[in-house]
C-alpha atoms as a PDB file:
ATOM      1  CA  MET A   1      -6.930   6.964 -10.723  1.00  0.00           C
ATOM      2  CA  PRO A   2      -8.124  10.422  -8.988  1.00  0.00           C
ATOM      3  CA  ILE A   3     -11.184  11.737  -9.560  1.00  0.00           C
ATOM      4  CA  TYR A   4     -11.112  15.653 -10.216  1.00  0.00           C
ATOM      5  CA  GLU A   5     -13.721  18.469  -9.585  1.00  0.00           C
ATOM      6  CA  TYR A   6     -14.272  20.931 -12.352  1.00  0.00           C
ATOM      7  CA  ARG A   7     -15.976  24.223 -12.551  1.00  0.00           C
ATOM      8  CA  CYS A   8     -17.262  25.700 -16.023  1.00  0.00           C
ATOM      9  CA  SER A   9     -16.005  29.655 -15.812  1.00  0.00           C
ATOM     10  CA  VAL A  10     -18.985  30.364 -18.393  1.00  0.00           C
ATOM     11  CA  CYS A  11     -22.117  28.911 -16.409  1.00  0.00           C
ATOM     12  CA  HIS A  12     -20.600  27.873 -12.937  1.00  0.00           C
ATOM     13  CA  HIS A  13     -21.706  23.840 -13.564  1.00  0.00           C
ATOM     14  CA  GLU A  14     -19.367  21.836 -11.547  1.00  0.00           C
ATOM     15  CA  THR A  15     -18.576  18.240 -12.612  1.00  0.00           C
ATOM     16  CA  GLU A  16     -16.341  15.456 -11.503  1.00  0.00           C
ATOM     17  CA  ILE A  17     -13.955  14.005 -13.981  1.00  0.00           C
ATOM     18  CA  LEU A  18     -11.714  10.537 -13.566  1.00  0.00           C
ATOM     19  CA  HIS A  19      -8.390  11.044 -15.364  1.00  0.00           C
ATOM     20  CA  GLY A  20      -4.758  10.583 -14.411  1.00  0.00           C
ATOM     21  CA  MET A  21      -2.383  12.804 -12.462  1.00  0.00           C
ATOM     22  CA  ASN A  22      -0.358  13.927 -15.551  1.00  0.00           C
ATOM     23  CA  GLU A  23      -3.044  14.152 -18.181  1.00  0.00           C
ATOM     24  CA  THR A  24      -4.940  17.347 -19.362  1.00  0.00           C
ATOM     25  CA  ILE A  25      -8.669  17.445 -20.233  1.00  0.00           C
ATOM     26  CA  ASP A  26      -9.648  19.290 -23.467  1.00  0.00           C
ATOM     27  CA  GLN A  27     -13.398  18.559 -22.610  1.00  0.00           C
ATOM     28  CA  ALA A  28     -16.705  20.811 -23.353  1.00  0.00           C
ATOM     29  CA  CYS A  29     -18.689  21.929 -20.616  1.00  0.00           C
ATOM     30  CA  PRO A  30     -21.002  19.115 -20.159  1.00  0.00           C
ATOM     31  CA  GLN A  31     -23.890  21.250 -18.996  1.00  0.00           C
ATOM     32  CA  GLY A  32     -24.563  22.325 -22.441  1.00  0.00           C
ATOM     33  CA  CYS A  33     -22.742  25.726 -22.686  1.00  0.00           C
ATOM     34  CA  GLY A  34     -20.535  23.881 -24.772  1.00  0.00           C
ATOM     35  CA  GLN A  35     -17.437  26.223 -23.878  1.00  0.00           C
ATOM     36  CA  ASN A  36     -13.811  24.746 -23.093  1.00  0.00           C
ATOM     37  CA  THR A  37     -13.688  26.382 -20.095  1.00  0.00           C
ATOM     38  CA  LEU A  38     -13.314  23.956 -17.169  1.00  0.00           C
ATOM     39  CA  ALA A  39     -11.178  24.966 -14.487  1.00  0.00           C
ATOM     40  CA  ARG A  40      -9.941  22.293 -11.816  1.00  0.00           C
ATOM     41  CA  LEU A  41     -11.091  23.105  -8.237  1.00  0.00           C
ATOM     42  CA  VAL A  42      -8.904  22.864  -5.404  1.00  0.00           C
ATOM     43  CA  SER A  43     -10.490  20.029  -3.263  1.00  0.00           C
ATOM     44  CA  ALA A  44      -9.936  16.656  -1.278  1.00  0.00           C
ATOM     45  CA  PRO A  45      -8.403  14.040  -3.497  1.00  0.00           C
ATOM     46  CA  LYS A  46     -10.741  11.076  -4.304  1.00  0.00           C
ATOM     47  CA  VAL A  47     -10.082   7.838  -5.123  1.00  0.00           C
ATOM     48  CA  ARG A  48     -11.905   5.196  -6.998  1.00  0.00           C
ATOM     49  CA  PHE A  49     -10.512   1.828  -5.957  1.00  0.00           C
ATOM     50  CA  SER A  50     -11.383  -1.203  -8.628  1.00  0.00           C
ATOM     51  CA  GLY A  51     -10.860  -4.501  -8.496  1.00  0.00           C
ATOM     52  CA  GLN A  52     -10.794  -7.881  -5.787  1.00  0.00           C
ATOM     53  CA  GLY A  53     -11.224  -4.708  -3.234  1.00  0.00           C
ATOM     54  CA  TYR A  54      -8.304  -4.012  -0.419  1.00  0.00           C
ATOM     55  CA  TYR A  55      -7.618  -5.990   2.645  1.00  0.00           C
ATOM     56  CA  GLU A  56      -6.187  -5.310   5.841  1.00  0.00           C
ATOM     57  CA  THR A  57      -3.291  -8.050   4.921  1.00  0.00           C
ATOM     58  CA  ASP A  58      -2.436  -6.515   1.870  1.00  0.00           C
ATOM     59  CA  GLU A  59      -0.003  -3.752   3.167  1.00  0.00           C
ATOM     60  CA  LYS A  60       0.335  -4.204   6.800  1.00  0.00           C
ATOM     61  CA  PRO A  61       2.970  -6.750   8.895  1.00  0.00           C
ATOM     62  CA  LYS A  62       1.267  -9.832  10.476  1.00  0.00           C
ATOM     63  CA  GLU A  63       1.692  -8.139  13.894  1.00  0.00           C
ATOM     64  CA  LYS A  64      -0.118  -5.210  12.899  1.00  0.00           C
ATOM     65  CA  GLN A  65      -3.304  -6.440  11.604  1.00  0.00           C
ATOM     66  CA  ARG A  66      -6.221  -6.205  13.481  1.00  0.00           C
ATOM     67  CA  ASN A  67      -9.576  -8.439  13.351  1.00  0.00           C
ATOM     68  CA  VAL A  68      -7.811 -11.321  10.912  1.00  0.00           C
ATOM     69  CA  LEU A  69      -8.364 -14.907  11.362  1.00  0.00           C
ATOM     70  CA  THR A  70      -5.952 -17.481  10.507  1.00  0.00           C
ATOM     71  CA  LYS A  71      -6.801 -20.419   9.359  1.00  0.00           C
ATOM     72  CA  ASP A  72      -6.301 -22.741  12.467  1.00  0.00           C
ATOM     73  CA  GLU A  73      -8.037 -20.188  14.803  1.00  0.00           C
ATOM     74  CA  PRO A  74     -11.756 -20.796  15.422  1.00  0.00           C
ATOM     75  CA  ALA A  75     -14.475 -17.620  14.876  1.00  0.00           C
ATOM     76  CA  ALA A  76     -15.555 -16.405  18.388  1.00  0.00           C
ATOM     77  CA  ALA A  77     -19.049 -17.369  19.148  1.00  0.00           C
ATOM     78  CA  SER A  78     -21.540 -15.031  18.667  1.00  0.00           C
ATOM     79  CA  LYS A  79     -23.169 -13.532  22.155  1.00  0.00           C
END
């Protein structure tokens, strides 16, 4: 789920709000002016990954995986 940046057009407070791509927000400014004047800013996307984690083996074909040991390979000795 993406995290969007918003700025209040009254008090210019900036905040981040986590919501779905197709959702619209109807939220008052959290800074205290209490107005529903939040406008989304254009910024680089931010994503929060939750769950067990992301592993290289999840998406790549086996021949393109790096630094992945199989059951049969011994771990490299530390130098």
